[in-house]
Structure formats: C-alpha cells, structure tokens
Amino acid sequence: MNAALVALGVILFLLALFAIAAIKVAREYERGIVFRLGRLLPQPKGPGLFLLIPVVDRMVKVDLRTITLNIPPQEVITKDNVPVRVNAVAYFRIVSPQDAIVQVENFMVATSQIAQTTLRSVLGQHQLDELLSEREKINAILQEIIDEATAPWGVKVSIVEVKDVEIPQGMQRAMARQAEAERERRAKVIAAEGEFQASERLKDAANVIEDHPVALQFRYLQTLVELGASQSTTIVFPVPIDLLTPFMGGDRQT
C-alpha cells in the first residue's frame, strides 16, 4: 500500500513537472518562435495559452511592440568638409518574428550597426547648411535606407530622427559672424530703399511746386508758423530767392 502511494506521488510529481514545462503563456504583444528538434515550426505561438513538448521543443519569445533605438553620436565629415558630431533615434518593430530570429543572430545589434553606418554615409553626402535646414528630408532618406536594409530580418523601421548636431566652436563663431554680416547687409539695403523712396517723393513734390508756384508760398507760410511756435532765441528767417533777385540784378548794373 505504501509503495503504491509512493508510486502515485511520484507520477503526480512528474505530471506536475511536465505541466509546468509544457504550459506556456504569451502576452498580447508577444509571439513564441518554437523549434522542434531544431526545426522551425511554421506558425508562431500566442498570444494566450499553448503547450510545448518538454525536451523536444525550445521556444524563443519575440516582442512585437515598437522599440526605441538610440543611435550613438557619430563623427561625420559633411560634403563641404565640416566635421560634425551627430546622434539620432530610430523607431522600429518586428513584423515577422520568424525572420527576426532565423535570419539574423541579434536583430537589435544588427539594426543598430546598420543605422550607424547609414547615418555616417548619408550625412557625408550633404552640406552643413542642408543638414541644419533640411532635417525632414534627411530623416526620410535615412528611414528609407535603413528600412530597406532591415526588411529581410523582419524589422520595419518607421521613423528615424536626427536629434543633435554638434558643430565645432570655430565654425559656430564663423556662422555667427556670417549671420551678423547678413543682418547688416539687410539693414543697409532697407536704409537705401528708404532713401530712394524719399528722393522719389521729393522729386514729385518739386514737380508739383514747379507747376503750381503758389504751393511754394503756402509752404513758406507754414514754415513761418512753425518757427513762431519755437522757444529758441535764435531764428533763421527763410527768404525766398525771388525777393532778392531785383537787388541782385541792381548790383550787377551798378
């Protein structure tokens, strides 16, 4: 009797171990890639509860959520021979769990390496001004190239963003001087445009006075009113040249 109980206990214990080893659970965002005696099963397991054959089956879990990959800073020489230090971030997810496990040894390391080499290659084909002003265009180029390279691994790269662009101090000072010179140029152009417009208005006023002499007398009276309101002790009294013409002519006759 005791031997039967012991045997039953052993059997129950082995069944419990078998159940623990056989019953697996995958979350909604996980898939189980199962190798049976070394061969890949055609369909991944999960989500939910599923069974494995202990010792015979070996499972590798794959996370299907979007993964954030920080691309470490890269030393890049731009097309116009400016050394810059650039880092970026990439967002990708697994669309084919079987390929992510079978086609590449470590898809995280492989994606990081291809992202670094692509970043250096693409930025080296652009000038510094393009790198600073056409960020969206460069991001699209990076995303397309990296996604194409990682597609055989079952990896889908959705976004690549260039984060920081570090420029040498000497280049920053040169860019600041260039920006200051550009602002001064614009200020001088605006001032010259103002002078030109003012001269045009003065020319128009002179044409009006030439056609209507009484306008000059009216302006003369306005000037007298303005001088009368002044608190200055010294007043410069304007006299039209026409009033002095007879005297000037008389002096020439004598």
Protein backbone atom coordinates (compact mmCIF):
# COMPACT_ATOMS: atom_id res chain seq x y z
CA MET A 1 0.00 0.00 0.00
CA ASN A 2 2.74 2.38 0.91
CA ALA A 3 4.62 1.53 -2.27
CA ALA A 4 1.54 2.29 -4.35
CA LEU A 5 1.11 5.64 -2.66
CA VAL A 6 4.74 6.46 -3.25
CA ALA A 7 4.47 5.49 -6.91
CA LEU A 8 1.31 7.56 -7.29
CA GLY A 9 3.04 10.51 -5.66
CA VAL A 10 5.99 10.17 -7.99
CA ILE A 11 3.69 10.03 -11.01
CA LEU A 12 1.77 13.10 -9.87
CA PHE A 13 5.03 14.94 -9.27
CA LEU A 14 6.27 14.06 -12.76
CA LEU A 15 2.96 15.14 -14.26
CA ALA A 16 3.22 18.45 -12.42
CA LEU A 17 6.75 18.99 -13.73
CA PHE A 18 5.54 18.08 -17.22
CA ALA A 19 2.67 20.55 -16.99
CA ILE A 20 4.97 23.32 -15.73
CA ALA A 21 7.37 22.67 -18.58
CA ALA A 22 4.67 22.23 -21.23
CA ILE A 23 2.22 25.03 -20.44
CA LYS A 24 3.36 28.44 -21.69
CA VAL A 25 1.65 31.82 -21.84
CA ALA A 26 2.41 34.63 -24.30
CA ARG A 27 1.16 38.17 -23.78
CA GLU A 28 -0.80 40.04 -26.42
CA TYR A 29 2.35 41.75 -27.74
CA GLU A 30 4.50 38.58 -27.65
CA ARG A 31 4.93 35.66 -30.01
CA GLY A 32 6.68 32.36 -29.31
CA ILE A 33 9.00 31.02 -32.02
CA VAL A 34 9.20 27.24 -31.46
CA PHE A 35 12.00 24.94 -32.63
CA ARG A 36 11.06 21.24 -32.53
CA LEU A 37 14.17 19.09 -32.58
CA GLY A 38 15.96 22.03 -34.16
CA ARG A 39 13.38 22.64 -36.88
CA LEU A 40 11.36 25.85 -37.02
CA LEU A 41 7.61 25.37 -36.70
CA PRO A 42 5.75 27.27 -39.44
CA GLN A 43 3.45 29.26 -37.16
CA PRO A 44 4.48 31.26 -34.08
CA LYS A 45 2.65 30.54 -30.83
CA GLY A 46 0.47 33.02 -28.97
CA PRO A 47 -0.95 35.17 -27.74
CA GLY A 48 -2.50 33.28 -24.86
CA LEU A 49 -2.01 29.76 -23.53
CA PHE A 50 -0.30 26.99 -25.53
CA LEU A 51 1.55 23.73 -24.94
CA LEU A 52 5.11 22.67 -25.69
CA ILE A 53 6.64 19.22 -25.63
CA PRO A 54 9.31 19.26 -22.92
CA VAL A 55 12.86 18.49 -24.05
CA VAL A 56 11.69 18.29 -27.67
CA ASP A 57 10.55 21.91 -28.12
CA ARG A 58 12.56 25.06 -27.48
CA MET A 59 10.87 28.46 -27.58
CA VAL A 60 12.17 32.00 -28.15
CA LYS A 61 9.87 34.90 -27.31
CA VAL A 62 9.74 37.94 -29.57
CA ASP A 63 8.34 41.33 -28.54
CA LEU A 64 6.16 42.93 -31.25
CA ARG A 65 5.98 46.39 -29.66
CA THR A 66 7.72 49.42 -31.15
CA ILE A 67 11.32 49.60 -29.97
CA THR A 68 13.22 52.84 -29.45
CA LEU A 69 16.82 52.63 -30.65
CA ASN A 70 19.23 55.40 -29.65
CA ILE A 71 21.94 55.73 -32.29
CA PRO A 72 25.15 56.81 -30.50
CA PRO A 73 26.94 60.01 -31.64
CA GLN A 74 28.79 59.63 -34.91
CA GLU A 75 31.71 61.67 -36.21
CA VAL A 76 30.76 62.83 -39.72
CA ILE A 77 32.58 64.89 -42.36
CA THR A 78 29.99 66.75 -44.41
CA LYS A 79 30.20 67.29 -48.15
CA ASP A 80 31.72 70.75 -47.62
CA ASN A 81 34.41 69.26 -45.31
CA VAL A 82 32.97 70.37 -41.98
CA PRO A 83 33.43 67.91 -39.07
CA VAL A 84 30.23 67.46 -37.06
CA ARG A 85 29.06 65.11 -34.33
CA VAL A 86 25.55 63.77 -34.87
CA ASN A 87 23.29 61.42 -32.93
CA ALA A 88 19.84 60.13 -33.84
CA VAL A 89 16.96 57.94 -32.71
CA ALA A 90 15.11 55.23 -34.65
CA TYR A 91 11.78 53.56 -34.01
CA PHE A 92 11.15 50.05 -35.33
CA ARG A 93 9.11 46.93 -34.65
CA ILE A 94 9.15 43.25 -35.57
CA VAL A 95 6.69 42.36 -38.36
CA SER A 96 7.98 38.83 -38.98
CA PRO A 97 9.04 37.10 -35.75
CA GLN A 98 10.42 34.03 -37.57
CA ASP A 99 12.78 36.11 -39.74
CA ALA A 100 13.91 38.20 -36.75
CA ILE A 101 15.14 35.00 -35.05
CA VAL A 102 16.25 32.87 -38.00
CA GLN A 103 17.67 35.38 -40.50
CA VAL A 104 19.92 37.34 -38.12
CA GLU A 105 21.75 36.45 -34.93
CA ASN A 106 20.72 39.54 -32.93
CA PHE A 107 18.32 41.90 -34.66
CA MET A 108 18.87 44.69 -32.09
CA VAL A 109 22.64 44.78 -32.63
CA ALA A 110 22.28 44.38 -36.39
CA THR A 111 19.75 47.21 -36.66
CA SER A 112 21.92 49.49 -34.51
CA GLN A 113 25.01 48.83 -36.63
CA ILE A 114 23.24 49.40 -39.96
CA ALA A 115 21.71 52.60 -38.56
CA GLN A 116 25.14 53.95 -37.53
CA THR A 117 26.79 53.21 -40.87
CA THR A 118 23.83 54.64 -42.80
CA LEU A 119 23.88 57.80 -40.68
CA ARG A 120 27.54 58.44 -41.46
CA SER A 121 27.11 57.63 -45.15
CA VAL A 122 24.04 59.78 -45.76
CA LEU A 123 25.17 62.82 -43.80
CA GLY A 124 28.54 62.71 -45.53
CA GLN A 125 26.74 63.35 -48.82
CA HIS A 126 25.11 66.60 -47.65
CA GLN A 127 26.46 70.03 -46.87
CA LEU A 128 26.24 71.59 -43.43
CA ASP A 129 23.51 74.05 -44.46
CA GLU A 130 21.38 71.16 -45.74
CA LEU A 131 21.95 69.24 -42.52
CA LEU A 132 20.69 72.19 -40.48
CA SER A 133 17.82 73.39 -42.68
CA GLU A 134 16.56 70.24 -44.44
CA ARG A 135 16.24 67.93 -41.44
CA GLU A 136 12.97 66.34 -42.55
CA LYS A 137 14.36 65.44 -45.96
CA ILE A 138 17.42 63.79 -44.43
CA ASN A 139 15.26 61.90 -41.92
CA ALA A 140 13.15 60.49 -44.76
CA ILE A 141 16.27 59.34 -46.63
CA LEU A 142 17.66 57.64 -43.51
CA GLN A 143 14.36 55.90 -42.78
CA GLU A 144 14.04 54.56 -46.32
CA ILE A 145 17.60 53.20 -46.50
CA ILE A 146 17.59 51.59 -43.03
CA ASP A 147 14.14 50.08 -43.56
CA GLU A 148 15.20 48.57 -46.86
CA ALA A 149 18.32 47.06 -45.28
CA THR A 150 16.47 45.55 -42.30
CA ALA A 151 13.44 44.23 -44.23
CA PRO A 152 14.96 40.71 -44.73
CA TRP A 153 15.25 40.43 -40.93
CA GLY A 154 11.53 41.05 -40.41
CA VAL A 155 12.22 44.54 -39.00
CA LYS A 156 10.10 47.54 -40.01
CA VAL A 157 11.74 50.93 -39.38
CA SER A 158 9.00 53.54 -39.13
CA ILE A 159 10.81 56.72 -38.01
CA VAL A 160 14.41 57.98 -37.96
CA GLU A 161 15.09 61.39 -36.43
CA VAL A 162 18.39 63.27 -36.27
CA LYS A 163 18.48 64.66 -32.72
CA ASP A 164 21.56 66.82 -32.16
CA VAL A 165 24.16 68.28 -34.49
CA GLU A 166 27.29 69.45 -32.67
CA ILE A 167 29.38 71.95 -34.64
CA PRO A 168 32.98 72.94 -33.72
CA GLN A 169 33.36 76.21 -31.80
CA GLY A 170 35.32 77.83 -34.61
CA MET A 171 32.58 77.05 -37.09
CA GLN A 172 29.95 78.40 -34.70
CA ARG A 173 31.81 81.72 -34.45
CA ALA A 174 32.14 81.88 -38.23
CA MET A 175 28.42 81.23 -38.63
CA ALA A 176 27.65 83.94 -36.06
CA ARG A 177 29.82 86.45 -37.96
CA GLN A 178 28.12 85.46 -41.21
CA ALA A 179 24.67 85.95 -39.67
CA GLU A 180 25.72 89.35 -38.29
CA ALA A 181 27.06 90.43 -41.67
CA GLU A 182 23.82 89.30 -43.30
CA ARG A 183 21.78 91.38 -40.85
CA GLU A 184 23.95 94.43 -41.51
CA ARG A 185 23.55 93.94 -45.24
CA ARG A 186 19.79 93.80 -44.92
CA ALA A 187 19.78 96.92 -42.74
CA LYS A 188 21.80 98.85 -45.31
CA VAL A 189 19.57 97.67 -48.14
CA ILE A 190 16.46 98.75 -46.22
CA ALA A 191 18.04 102.15 -45.46
CA ALA A 192 18.97 102.62 -49.13
CA GLU A 193 15.44 101.70 -50.18
CA GLY A 194 14.10 104.30 -47.75
CA GLU A 195 16.41 106.99 -49.12
CA PHE A 196 15.38 106.12 -52.66
CA GLN A 197 11.68 106.34 -51.84
CA ALA A 198 12.21 109.64 -50.01
CA SER A 199 14.04 111.09 -53.02
CA GLU A 200 11.21 109.96 -55.27
CA ARG A 201 8.68 111.77 -53.07
CA LEU A 202 10.86 114.91 -53.03
CA LYS A 203 11.05 114.82 -56.80
CA ASP A 204 7.27 114.55 -57.01
CA ALA A 205 6.92 117.50 -54.60
CA ALA A 206 9.35 119.59 -56.68
CA ASN A 207 7.34 118.85 -59.82
CA VAL A 208 4.14 119.99 -58.07
CA ILE A 209 5.75 123.23 -56.89
CA GLU A 210 7.12 123.86 -60.38
CA ASP A 211 3.66 123.53 -61.90
CA HIS A 212 1.96 125.50 -59.09
CA PRO A 213 4.20 128.31 -57.69
CA VAL A 214 1.56 129.26 -55.15
CA ALA A 215 2.29 125.96 -53.39
CA LEU A 216 5.77 127.27 -52.55
CA GLN A 217 4.28 130.36 -50.91
CA PHE A 218 1.87 128.21 -48.92
CA ARG A 219 4.76 126.08 -47.71
CA TYR A 220 6.65 129.25 -46.80
CA LEU A 221 3.77 130.41 -44.61
CA GLN A 222 3.64 127.03 -42.90
CA THR A 223 7.33 127.31 -42.13
CA LEU A 224 6.80 130.73 -40.56
CA VAL A 225 4.06 129.35 -38.31
CA GLU A 226 6.35 126.53 -37.18
CA LEU A 227 9.17 128.99 -36.43
CA GLY A 228 6.83 131.22 -34.44
CA ALA A 229 5.90 128.36 -32.14
CA SER A 230 9.57 127.64 -31.39
CA GLN A 231 11.06 128.66 -28.00
CA SER A 232 14.51 129.22 -29.45
CA THR A 233 16.12 132.67 -29.06
CA THR A 234 17.74 132.41 -32.47
CA ILE A 235 15.52 132.16 -35.50
CA VAL A 236 16.72 131.59 -39.02
CA PHE A 237 14.30 133.51 -41.21
CA PRO A 238 13.94 131.94 -44.65
CA VAL A 239 13.63 134.40 -47.52
CA PRO A 240 12.59 133.22 -50.98
CA ILE A 241 15.27 133.81 -53.58
CA ASP A 242 12.70 135.58 -55.77
CA LEU A 243 12.60 138.51 -53.34
CA LEU A 244 16.35 139.03 -53.64
CA THR A 245 16.50 138.83 -57.43
CA PRO A 246 15.84 142.59 -58.07
CA PHE A 247 18.54 143.57 -55.63
CA MET A 248 20.99 141.15 -57.10
CA GLY A 249 20.20 142.46 -60.59
CA GLY A 250 20.67 146.11 -59.45
CA ASP A 251 24.07 145.36 -58.02
CA ARG A 252 25.16 143.90 -61.28
CA GLN A 253 24.00 147.07 -63.16
CA THR A 254 25.97 149.41 -60.87
